[in-house]
Amino acid sequence: MQLSRQFQQRAETLLPGGVDSPVRAFRAVGGEPPFVVRAEGAYLWDADGNRYLDYFGSWGPMILGHAAPRVVRAIQDAAARGVSFGASTPTEADLAEMVHRAFPAVEMLRFVSSGTEATMSAIRLARAFTGRKFFVKFEGCYHGHSDSLLVKAGSGIATLGIPGSAGVPEETIQHTLALPYNNIAAVEEAFTRYKGQIACVIVEPVVGNAGCIPPQPGYLEALRAITAREGAVLIFDEVMTGFRLALGGAQELYGIQPDMTCLGKILGGGLPCGAFGGRAEIMRMLAPLGPVYQAGTLSGNPLAMAAGIATVGYLIERRDTVYPQLEQASAAVADGVAAMAREAGVPLTTNRVGSMFTWFFSGEAVMEYESASRSDTSQFAAFHRAMIEAGVWLPPSQFEAAFLGIAHGEEEIRATLAAAKEYFAKV
């Protein structure tokens, strides 16, 4: 780790904490963060030549594996024609058609450069469409770092209160209603108390930023029924779940049609890309058609469009084989480790939906942020350190979901289970 340590020390002189995103600093798990210099398939290599089996996949996008040949070729071909134009390109409509094919509820959409842009723009649009100010989010759900959404937002700020970050005035979040996830009674109470004032409900249909937490049976259906009844917009934040849990994301998996959808991560094939879209009557309120302003110099960037078309196109072509393969591999890893923990007498709760999962070091069911927060984070940190020393790189936080992709085959599964077996044999 000598070179990684040197890179970290150099970075700390110029970047706060030496990182451009807080979880990379390994503060939640201890140890020194490796500095990655290349990646291929299911693996990462650090500056010191160490190889790691990757279970966070750039936090979700790498469903085809790192440096997937078709994605690399698409980016290279696009770059040869120019990396940015600040003008419309045919590939924007090409990818938009693919999104609509996978997500029929997205009748129209707009590309942006990040999930944060997508969610904040969707909420602005919902407020304009309804003429209302308040919106509902859920504790432990992270929808990006815009001010009004940094309220009990999970992951890096999971243990903090309201507001979830310094620099966010209380006035900015006075119209944000943070409710417990998987609790419909709380939603009904909010709509009763703020009758006719709630513009929208935004939800990660499967929580990923308090660890993986699936919806309880009937929960998403109830959110759909309440918002429809009350004239509020239902927004699914599928930045993580889109194209991952199924080609059409959580809304396909659970059979729920939201009014608006936010996408990112897999959408851009690993390049900065996001999108928000939904019912045409809502989307037509965007400028230049309507009064809601939103713009971005790099929105629809040709490199991101090329990577997205290559990635989403593959998923469309191979949907009948990709998703069963991901399900089988994810079950083998998640259930295999869970079985080892049981045998060792270590309290462990495993939550998994498709190729998205979390091992909570807890003896209770994890159904919302509060139960997730009672997990033994020190035990998770010890597990994380042991696994990375064995060459398996898990998300460096108890409150982040793990992901795998189609590059994780039998060899990778065996290596993961062998590393876990070694750890549980010592505890």
Protein backbone atom coordinates (compact mmCIF):
# COMPACT_ATOMS: atom_id res chain seq x y z
CA MET A 1 0.00 0.00 0.00
CA GLN A 2 3.03 2.27 -0.16
CA LEU A 3 2.11 4.03 -3.39
CA SER A 4 -1.58 4.29 -2.43
CA ARG A 5 -0.50 5.86 0.86
CA GLN A 6 1.67 8.36 -0.98
CA PHE A 7 -1.16 9.23 -3.36
CA GLN A 8 -3.52 9.70 -0.41
CA GLN A 9 -1.09 12.01 1.37
CA ARG A 10 -0.60 14.07 -1.78
CA ALA A 11 -4.35 14.26 -2.38
CA GLU A 12 -4.98 15.44 1.19
CA THR A 13 -2.96 18.59 0.49
CA LEU A 14 -5.37 19.61 -2.25
CA LEU A 15 -8.65 17.74 -1.78
CA PRO A 16 -10.68 17.80 1.48
CA GLY A 17 -9.92 14.46 3.11
CA GLY A 18 -8.03 13.52 -0.03
CA VAL A 19 -11.26 12.52 -1.79
CA ASP A 20 -13.96 13.84 -4.10
CA SER A 21 -16.72 11.81 -2.42
CA PRO A 22 -16.68 11.16 1.35
CA VAL A 23 -17.24 7.39 1.51
CA ARG A 24 -14.03 6.83 -0.46
CA ALA A 25 -12.01 7.93 2.56
CA PHE A 26 -12.77 4.66 4.44
CA ARG A 27 -13.56 6.62 7.63
CA ALA A 28 -16.48 4.26 8.40
CA VAL A 29 -14.40 1.08 8.19
CA GLY A 30 -10.83 2.13 8.99
CA GLY A 31 -7.73 1.20 7.09
CA GLU A 32 -6.19 2.93 4.13
CA PRO A 33 -8.14 3.38 0.88
CA PRO A 34 -6.43 1.84 -2.14
CA PHE A 35 -5.89 4.16 -5.11
CA VAL A 36 -7.25 2.46 -8.22
CA VAL A 37 -5.24 2.69 -11.45
CA ARG A 38 -7.15 0.28 -13.69
CA ALA A 39 -10.09 -2.12 -13.80
CA GLU A 40 -11.30 -4.98 -15.94
CA GLY A 41 -14.26 -7.30 -15.62
CA ALA A 42 -14.98 -7.90 -11.93
CA TYR A 43 -11.60 -6.62 -10.73
CA LEU A 44 -9.81 -3.46 -9.64
CA TRP A 45 -6.04 -2.95 -9.41
CA ASP A 46 -4.44 -0.41 -7.10
CA ALA A 47 -1.26 1.61 -7.56
CA ASP A 48 0.73 -1.06 -5.70
CA GLY A 49 -0.35 -3.84 -8.05
CA ASN A 50 -2.88 -5.45 -5.69
CA ARG A 51 -5.96 -6.97 -7.32
CA TYR A 52 -9.41 -6.71 -5.72
CA LEU A 53 -12.69 -8.42 -6.51
CA ASP A 54 -15.11 -5.51 -6.83
CA TYR A 55 -18.49 -5.56 -5.06
CA PHE A 56 -19.46 -1.93 -5.43
CA GLY A 57 -19.04 -1.53 -9.18
CA SER A 58 -18.50 2.23 -9.21
CA TRP A 59 -21.55 2.32 -6.89
CA GLY A 60 -23.78 0.50 -9.33
CA PRO A 61 -23.09 1.34 -12.98
CA MET A 62 -20.75 -1.55 -13.84
CA ILE A 63 -23.40 -4.17 -14.48
CA LEU A 64 -21.47 -5.34 -17.58
CA GLY A 65 -18.15 -5.28 -15.74
CA HIS A 66 -15.28 -2.81 -15.95
CA ALA A 67 -13.91 -1.89 -19.38
CA ALA A 68 -16.61 -3.90 -21.16
CA PRO A 69 -15.32 -4.05 -24.75
CA ARG A 70 -18.52 -2.85 -26.42
CA VAL A 71 -18.73 0.14 -24.06
CA VAL A 72 -15.07 1.06 -24.50
CA ARG A 73 -15.40 0.88 -28.30
CA ALA A 74 -18.52 3.05 -28.23
CA ILE A 75 -16.78 5.71 -26.13
CA GLN A 76 -13.68 5.65 -28.34
CA ASP A 77 -15.73 5.99 -31.51
CA ALA A 78 -17.74 8.86 -30.04
CA ALA A 79 -14.62 10.65 -28.74
CA ALA A 80 -13.04 10.49 -32.19
CA ARG A 81 -15.98 12.55 -33.47
CA GLY A 82 -15.77 15.14 -30.67
CA VAL A 83 -16.27 15.00 -26.92
CA SER A 84 -18.83 17.78 -26.46
CA PHE A 85 -20.85 20.01 -28.75
CA GLY A 86 -23.30 21.98 -26.61
CA ALA A 87 -25.83 21.14 -29.30
CA SER A 88 -28.35 18.39 -29.92
CA THR A 89 -27.19 15.03 -31.28
CA PRO A 90 -29.09 12.05 -32.75
CA THR A 91 -27.80 9.78 -29.98
CA GLU A 92 -29.90 11.58 -27.36
CA ALA A 93 -33.10 10.37 -29.02
CA ASP A 94 -31.54 6.93 -29.56
CA LEU A 95 -30.97 6.45 -25.84
CA ALA A 96 -34.30 8.09 -24.96
CA GLU A 97 -36.09 5.51 -27.12
CA MET A 98 -34.29 2.73 -25.25
CA VAL A 99 -35.32 4.22 -21.91
CA HIS A 100 -38.95 4.44 -23.00
CA ARG A 101 -38.82 0.83 -24.17
CA ALA A 102 -37.56 -0.31 -20.77
CA PHE A 103 -39.70 2.14 -18.75
CA PRO A 104 -43.04 2.64 -20.55
CA ALA A 105 -44.17 5.09 -17.84
CA VAL A 106 -41.41 7.46 -19.00
CA GLU A 107 -43.31 9.03 -21.90
CA MET A 108 -40.86 11.93 -22.16
CA LEU A 109 -37.53 12.56 -20.46
CA ARG A 110 -34.62 14.92 -20.17
CA PHE A 111 -30.99 13.93 -19.80
CA VAL A 112 -28.81 15.57 -17.15
CA SER A 113 -25.32 14.85 -15.83
CA SER A 114 -26.07 13.22 -12.46
CA GLY A 115 -28.69 11.62 -10.26
CA THR A 116 -28.61 14.71 -8.05
CA GLU A 117 -29.66 16.88 -10.98
CA ALA A 118 -32.37 14.41 -11.91
CA THR A 119 -34.04 14.30 -8.50
CA MET A 120 -33.92 18.02 -7.76
CA SER A 121 -35.31 18.78 -11.23
CA ALA A 122 -38.09 16.21 -10.84
CA ILE A 123 -39.20 17.78 -7.55
CA ARG A 124 -39.14 21.28 -9.05
CA LEU A 125 -41.30 20.03 -11.91
CA ALA A 126 -43.73 18.27 -9.55
CA ARG A 127 -44.12 21.45 -7.52
CA ALA A 128 -44.87 23.46 -10.64
CA PHE A 129 -47.32 20.87 -11.95
CA THR A 130 -49.29 20.71 -8.70
CA GLY A 131 -48.82 24.29 -7.51
CA ARG A 132 -47.84 22.93 -4.07
CA LYS A 133 -44.76 23.40 -1.87
CA PHE A 134 -44.35 20.41 0.44
CA PHE A 135 -42.86 17.07 -0.55
CA VAL A 136 -42.34 13.75 1.20
CA LYS A 137 -39.08 11.82 1.33
CA PHE A 138 -38.10 8.88 3.52
CA GLU A 139 -35.49 8.46 6.22
CA GLY A 140 -32.39 6.72 4.93
CA CYS A 141 -33.20 7.44 1.28
CA TYR A 142 -30.54 9.49 -0.47
CA HIS A 143 -31.59 11.52 -3.49
CA GLY A 144 -28.44 13.53 -4.06
CA HIS A 145 -26.90 16.45 -2.21
CA SER A 146 -29.20 19.34 -3.13
CA ASP A 147 -30.17 21.30 -0.02
CA SER A 148 -33.82 20.36 0.34
CA LEU A 149 -33.03 16.63 0.02
CA LEU A 150 -30.27 16.43 2.63
CA VAL A 151 -32.69 15.44 5.35
CA LYS A 152 -32.14 12.06 7.04
CA ALA A 153 -30.53 10.99 3.81
CA GLY A 154 -28.71 7.79 4.72
CA SER A 155 -25.21 6.58 3.82
CA GLY A 156 -22.54 9.13 4.72
CA ILE A 157 -24.90 11.22 6.84
CA ALA A 158 -26.93 8.34 8.22
CA THR A 159 -26.33 9.17 11.87
CA LEU A 160 -27.05 12.89 11.64
CA GLY A 161 -30.30 14.74 12.25
CA ILE A 162 -32.24 17.44 10.45
CA PRO A 163 -30.79 19.10 8.42
CA GLY A 164 -28.31 16.47 7.32
CA SER A 165 -25.44 18.81 6.48
CA ALA A 166 -23.87 22.00 7.72
CA GLY A 167 -24.58 24.86 5.35
CA VAL A 168 -28.20 23.85 4.80
CA PRO A 169 -30.45 26.50 6.42
CA GLU A 170 -33.53 25.24 8.21
CA GLU A 171 -35.58 27.56 6.01
CA THR A 172 -34.45 25.57 2.97
CA ILE A 173 -35.92 22.34 4.29
CA GLN A 174 -39.07 23.68 5.91
CA HIS A 175 -41.18 22.10 3.17
CA THR A 176 -39.41 18.72 3.32
CA LEU A 177 -41.31 16.02 5.21
CA ALA A 178 -39.01 13.12 6.19
CA LEU A 179 -40.99 10.00 7.09
CA PRO A 180 -40.02 6.45 8.09
CA TYR A 181 -39.76 4.04 5.15
CA ASN A 182 -42.17 1.09 5.00
CA ASN A 183 -44.66 2.93 7.23
CA ILE A 184 -47.86 3.77 5.36
CA ALA A 185 -49.59 5.12 8.46
CA ALA A 186 -47.00 7.93 8.59
CA VAL A 187 -47.71 8.79 4.96
CA GLU A 188 -51.46 8.91 5.56
CA GLU A 189 -50.91 11.14 8.59
CA ALA A 190 -48.74 13.55 6.58
CA PHE A 191 -51.33 13.87 3.83
CA THR A 192 -54.03 14.48 6.44
CA ARG A 193 -52.01 17.13 8.25
CA TYR A 194 -50.90 18.87 5.04
CA LYS A 195 -54.11 18.37 3.09
CA GLY A 196 -53.81 19.71 -0.44
CA GLN A 197 -50.25 20.97 0.16
CA ILE A 198 -48.01 18.02 -0.77
CA ALA A 199 -46.66 18.21 -4.30
CA CYS A 200 -44.96 14.84 -4.48
CA VAL A 201 -43.59 11.77 -2.80
CA ILE A 202 -40.06 10.78 -3.80
CA VAL A 203 -38.85 7.32 -2.83
CA GLU A 204 -36.12 4.83 -3.56
CA PRO A 205 -38.45 1.90 -4.28
CA VAL A 206 -35.70 -0.31 -2.89
CA VAL A 207 -33.57 1.69 -0.46
CA GLY A 208 -29.87 1.59 -1.24
CA ASN A 209 -28.33 4.32 0.88
CA ALA A 210 -29.14 2.90 4.29
CA GLY A 211 -28.01 -0.44 2.96
CA CYS A 212 -30.38 -2.49 0.82
CA ILE A 213 -33.90 -2.35 2.28
CA PRO A 214 -36.76 -3.79 0.19
CA PRO A 215 -40.34 -2.53 0.36
CA GLN A 216 -42.75 -4.53 2.47
CA PRO A 217 -45.60 -6.22 0.59
CA GLY A 218 -48.20 -3.63 -0.38
CA TYR A 219 -46.05 -0.61 0.52
CA LEU A 220 -45.36 0.72 -2.97
CA GLU A 221 -48.94 -0.07 -3.99
CA ALA A 222 -50.16 2.04 -1.07
CA LEU A 223 -47.89 4.95 -2.03
CA ARG A 224 -49.32 4.79 -5.56
CA ALA A 225 -52.91 4.76 -4.26
CA ILE A 226 -52.41 7.63 -1.80
CA THR A 227 -50.65 9.94 -4.25
CA ALA A 228 -53.26 9.25 -6.93
CA ARG A 229 -56.06 9.96 -4.46
CA GLU A 230 -54.47 13.18 -3.21
CA GLY A 231 -53.35 14.57 -6.57
CA ALA A 232 -49.65 14.33 -5.69
CA VAL A 233 -46.89 13.19 -8.03
CA LEU A 234 -45.23 9.85 -7.24
CA ILE A 235 -41.52 9.92 -8.09
CA PHE A 236 -39.46 6.74 -8.15
CA ASP A 237 -35.76 7.44 -7.67
CA GLU A 238 -34.40 4.56 -9.71
CA VAL A 239 -30.87 5.94 -10.02
CA MET A 240 -29.66 2.74 -8.33
CA THR A 241 -32.42 0.28 -9.20
CA GLY A 242 -33.03 1.29 -12.80
CA PHE A 243 -31.85 -1.40 -15.25
CA ARG A 244 -30.44 -3.35 -12.28
CA LEU A 245 -33.33 -5.12 -10.56
CA ALA A 246 -34.92 -5.71 -13.95
CA LEU A 247 -34.59 -4.06 -17.32
CA GLY A 248 -37.42 -1.75 -16.25
CA GLY A 249 -36.11 -1.39 -12.72
CA ALA A 250 -38.17 -1.67 -9.54
CA GLN A 251 -41.32 -0.47 -11.28
CA GLU A 252 -41.19 -3.49 -13.56
CA LEU A 253 -40.26 -5.84 -10.72
CA TYR A 254 -43.11 -4.69 -8.46
CA GLY A 255 -45.63 -3.75 -11.14
CA ILE A 256 -46.03 -0.10 -10.06
CA GLN A 257 -46.28 2.81 -12.49
CA PRO A 258 -45.01 6.08 -10.98
CA ASP A 259 -45.75 9.51 -12.42
CA MET A 260 -42.05 10.34 -12.72
CA THR A 261 -38.81 8.37 -12.71
CA CYS A 262 -35.23 9.43 -12.03
CA LEU A 263 -32.38 7.44 -13.56
CA GLY A 264 -28.58 7.43 -13.50
CA LYS A 265 -25.61 5.10 -12.96
CA ILE A 266 -26.25 2.20 -15.39
CA LEU A 267 -27.98 4.66 -17.74
CA GLY A 268 -24.61 6.23 -18.58
CA GLY A 269 -22.60 3.04 -18.70
CA GLY A 270 -20.19 4.45 -16.11
CA LEU A 271 -19.98 7.99 -17.50
CA PRO A 272 -21.68 10.96 -15.78
CA CYS A 273 -25.31 10.78 -16.87
CA GLY A 274 -28.76 11.05 -15.35
CA ALA A 275 -32.30 11.55 -16.53
CA PHE A 276 -35.74 12.40 -15.23
CA GLY A 277 -38.95 11.72 -17.04
CA GLY A 278 -42.53 10.58 -16.80
CA ARG A 279 -46.00 11.56 -17.91
CA ALA A 280 -45.93 13.79 -20.98
CA GLU A 281 -48.31 16.35 -19.45
CA ILE A 282 -45.84 16.89 -16.60
CA MET A 283 -42.72 16.92 -18.77
CA ARG A 284 -44.21 19.46 -21.18
CA MET A 285 -44.01 22.03 -18.39
CA LEU A 286 -40.23 22.12 -18.93
CA ALA A 287 -38.66 24.96 -20.90
CA PRO A 288 -38.72 25.58 -23.81
CA LEU A 289 -42.31 24.24 -23.83
CA GLY A 290 -43.31 25.47 -20.38
CA PRO A 291 -42.38 27.73 -17.46
CA VAL A 292 -40.06 25.36 -15.51
CA TYR A 293 -36.45 26.17 -16.24
CA GLN A 294 -33.72 23.54 -16.26
CA ALA A 295 -30.52 23.48 -18.30
CA GLY A 296 -27.09 21.88 -18.42
CA THR A 297 -24.09 22.47 -20.66
CA LEU A 298 -23.07 18.80 -20.66
CA SER A 299 -26.57 17.31 -20.64
CA GLY A 300 -26.81 14.64 -23.33
CA ASN A 301 -23.03 14.57 -23.66
CA PRO A 302 -22.15 12.42 -26.72
CA LEU A 303 -19.69 10.21 -24.83
CA ALA A 304 -22.23 9.49 -22.09
CA MET A 305 -24.92 8.80 -24.69
CA ALA A 306 -22.62 6.36 -26.50
CA ALA A 307 -21.74 4.50 -23.30
CA GLY A 308 -25.40 4.40 -22.29
CA ILE A 309 -26.55 3.08 -25.65
CA ALA A 310 -23.90 0.36 -25.55
CA THR A 311 -24.82 -0.68 -22.01
CA VAL A 312 -28.61 -0.41 -22.15
CA GLY A 313 -28.62 -1.90 -25.64
CA TYR A 314 -26.84 -4.99 -24.35
CA LEU A 315 -29.31 -5.33 -21.49
CA ILE A 316 -32.23 -5.09 -23.90
CA GLU A 317 -30.70 -7.67 -26.22
CA ARG A 318 -29.80 -10.12 -23.44
CA ARG A 319 -32.46 -9.43 -20.83
CA ASP A 320 -33.58 -13.07 -20.80
CA THR A 321 -30.11 -14.27 -19.80
CA VAL A 322 -28.55 -11.31 -17.95
CA TYR A 323 -31.06 -10.99 -15.13
CA PRO A 324 -31.33 -14.71 -14.31
CA GLN A 325 -27.52 -14.83 -14.28
CA LEU A 326 -27.34 -11.87 -11.88
CA GLU A 327 -30.01 -13.42 -9.64
CA GLN A 328 -28.16 -16.72 -9.43
CA ALA A 329 -24.76 -15.18 -8.71
CA SER A 330 -26.12 -12.71 -6.16
CA ALA A 331 -28.03 -15.40 -4.29
CA ALA A 332 -24.96 -17.61 -4.14
CA VAL A 333 -22.81 -14.83 -2.64
CA ALA A 334 -25.37 -13.27 -0.29
CA ASP A 335 -26.84 -16.55 1.01
CA GLY A 336 -23.44 -18.24 1.20
CA VAL A 337 -22.03 -15.60 3.52
CA ALA A 338 -25.24 -15.55 5.55
CA ALA A 339 -24.95 -19.32 6.11
CA MET A 340 -21.37 -18.95 7.32
CA ALA A 341 -22.41 -16.26 9.80
CA ARG A 342 -25.16 -18.49 11.19
CA GLU A 343 -22.74 -21.37 11.61
CA ALA A 344 -20.31 -19.09 13.42
CA GLY A 345 -23.05 -17.71 15.66
CA VAL A 346 -22.63 -14.15 14.34
CA PRO A 347 -25.89 -12.14 14.17
CA LEU A 348 -26.36 -11.21 10.53
CA THR A 349 -29.38 -10.06 8.55
CA THR A 350 -29.14 -10.32 4.77
CA ASN A 351 -31.31 -8.08 2.61
CA ARG A 352 -31.23 -8.68 -1.14
CA VAL A 353 -33.25 -7.71 -4.18
CA GLY A 354 -31.72 -9.05 -7.36
CA SER A 355 -28.06 -8.06 -7.67
CA MET A 356 -28.29 -5.49 -4.89
CA PHE A 357 -27.70 -6.61 -1.30
CA THR A 358 -26.40 -5.78 2.17
CA TRP A 359 -25.18 -7.86 5.08
CA PHE A 360 -26.32 -6.06 8.24
CA PHE A 361 -24.47 -7.16 11.36
CA SER A 362 -27.69 -7.25 13.32
CA GLY A 363 -29.94 -9.87 14.85
CA GLU A 364 -33.15 -8.09 13.90
CA ALA A 365 -34.99 -7.63 10.64
CA VAL A 366 -33.98 -4.43 8.83
CA MET A 367 -37.05 -2.79 7.33
CA GLU A 368 -36.26 0.92 7.67
CA TYR A 369 -33.48 3.33 8.62
CA GLU A 370 -33.99 3.02 12.39
CA SER A 371 -33.42 -0.74 12.45
CA ALA A 372 -30.51 -0.39 10.01
CA SER A 373 -28.90 2.18 12.31
CA ARG A 374 -28.82 -0.35 15.17
CA SER A 375 -26.46 -2.62 13.25
CA ASP A 376 -23.02 -3.36 14.70
CA THR A 377 -20.92 -1.05 12.55
CA SER A 378 -17.68 -2.02 14.32
CA GLN A 379 -18.25 -5.67 13.36
CA PHE A 380 -18.95 -4.64 9.78
CA ALA A 381 -15.74 -2.62 9.77
CA ALA A 382 -13.76 -5.65 10.94
CA PHE A 383 -15.42 -7.80 8.27
CA HIS A 384 -14.65 -5.20 5.61
CA ARG A 385 -10.98 -5.00 6.59
CA ALA A 386 -10.62 -8.78 6.56
CA MET A 387 -12.28 -9.11 3.19
CA ILE A 388 -10.21 -6.39 1.52
CA GLU A 389 -7.04 -7.94 2.91
CA ALA A 390 -8.19 -11.14 1.22
CA GLY A 391 -8.70 -9.24 -2.04
CA VAL A 392 -12.48 -8.69 -1.86
CA TRP A 393 -13.50 -5.02 -1.87
CA LEU A 394 -16.94 -4.45 -0.33
CA PRO A 395 -18.66 -1.06 -0.05
CA PRO A 396 -16.78 0.76 2.75
CA SER A 397 -19.90 1.45 4.81
CA GLN A 398 -22.52 -0.64 6.56
CA PHE A 399 -25.06 1.71 5.03
CA GLU A 400 -24.24 1.16 1.35
CA ALA A 401 -25.61 -1.58 -0.87
CA ALA A 402 -23.28 -4.02 -2.61
CA PHE A 403 -23.59 -4.77 -6.32
CA LEU A 404 -22.27 -7.36 -8.69
CA GLY A 405 -22.39 -7.72 -12.46
CA ILE A 406 -22.27 -10.31 -15.19
CA ALA A 407 -18.46 -10.47 -14.90
CA HIS A 408 -18.85 -12.15 -11.49
CA GLY A 409 -18.68 -15.83 -12.38
CA GLU A 410 -18.15 -19.07 -10.49
CA GLU A 411 -14.48 -18.33 -9.84
CA GLU A 412 -15.32 -14.96 -8.28
CA ILE A 413 -18.09 -16.47 -6.17
CA ARG A 414 -15.75 -19.17 -4.84
CA ALA A 415 -13.09 -16.57 -3.98
CA THR A 416 -15.62 -14.42 -2.15
CA LEU A 417 -16.98 -17.29 -0.09
CA ALA A 418 -13.47 -18.53 0.72
CA ALA A 419 -12.51 -15.09 2.05
CA ALA A 420 -15.69 -14.91 4.16
CA LYS A 421 -15.16 -18.42 5.48
CA GLU A 422 -11.69 -17.46 6.67
CA TYR A 423 -13.09 -14.43 8.49
CA PHE A 424 -15.94 -16.25 10.25
CA ALA A 425 -13.59 -19.07 11.29
CA LYS A 426 -11.69 -16.54 13.40
CA VAL A 427 -14.53 -14.66 15.09
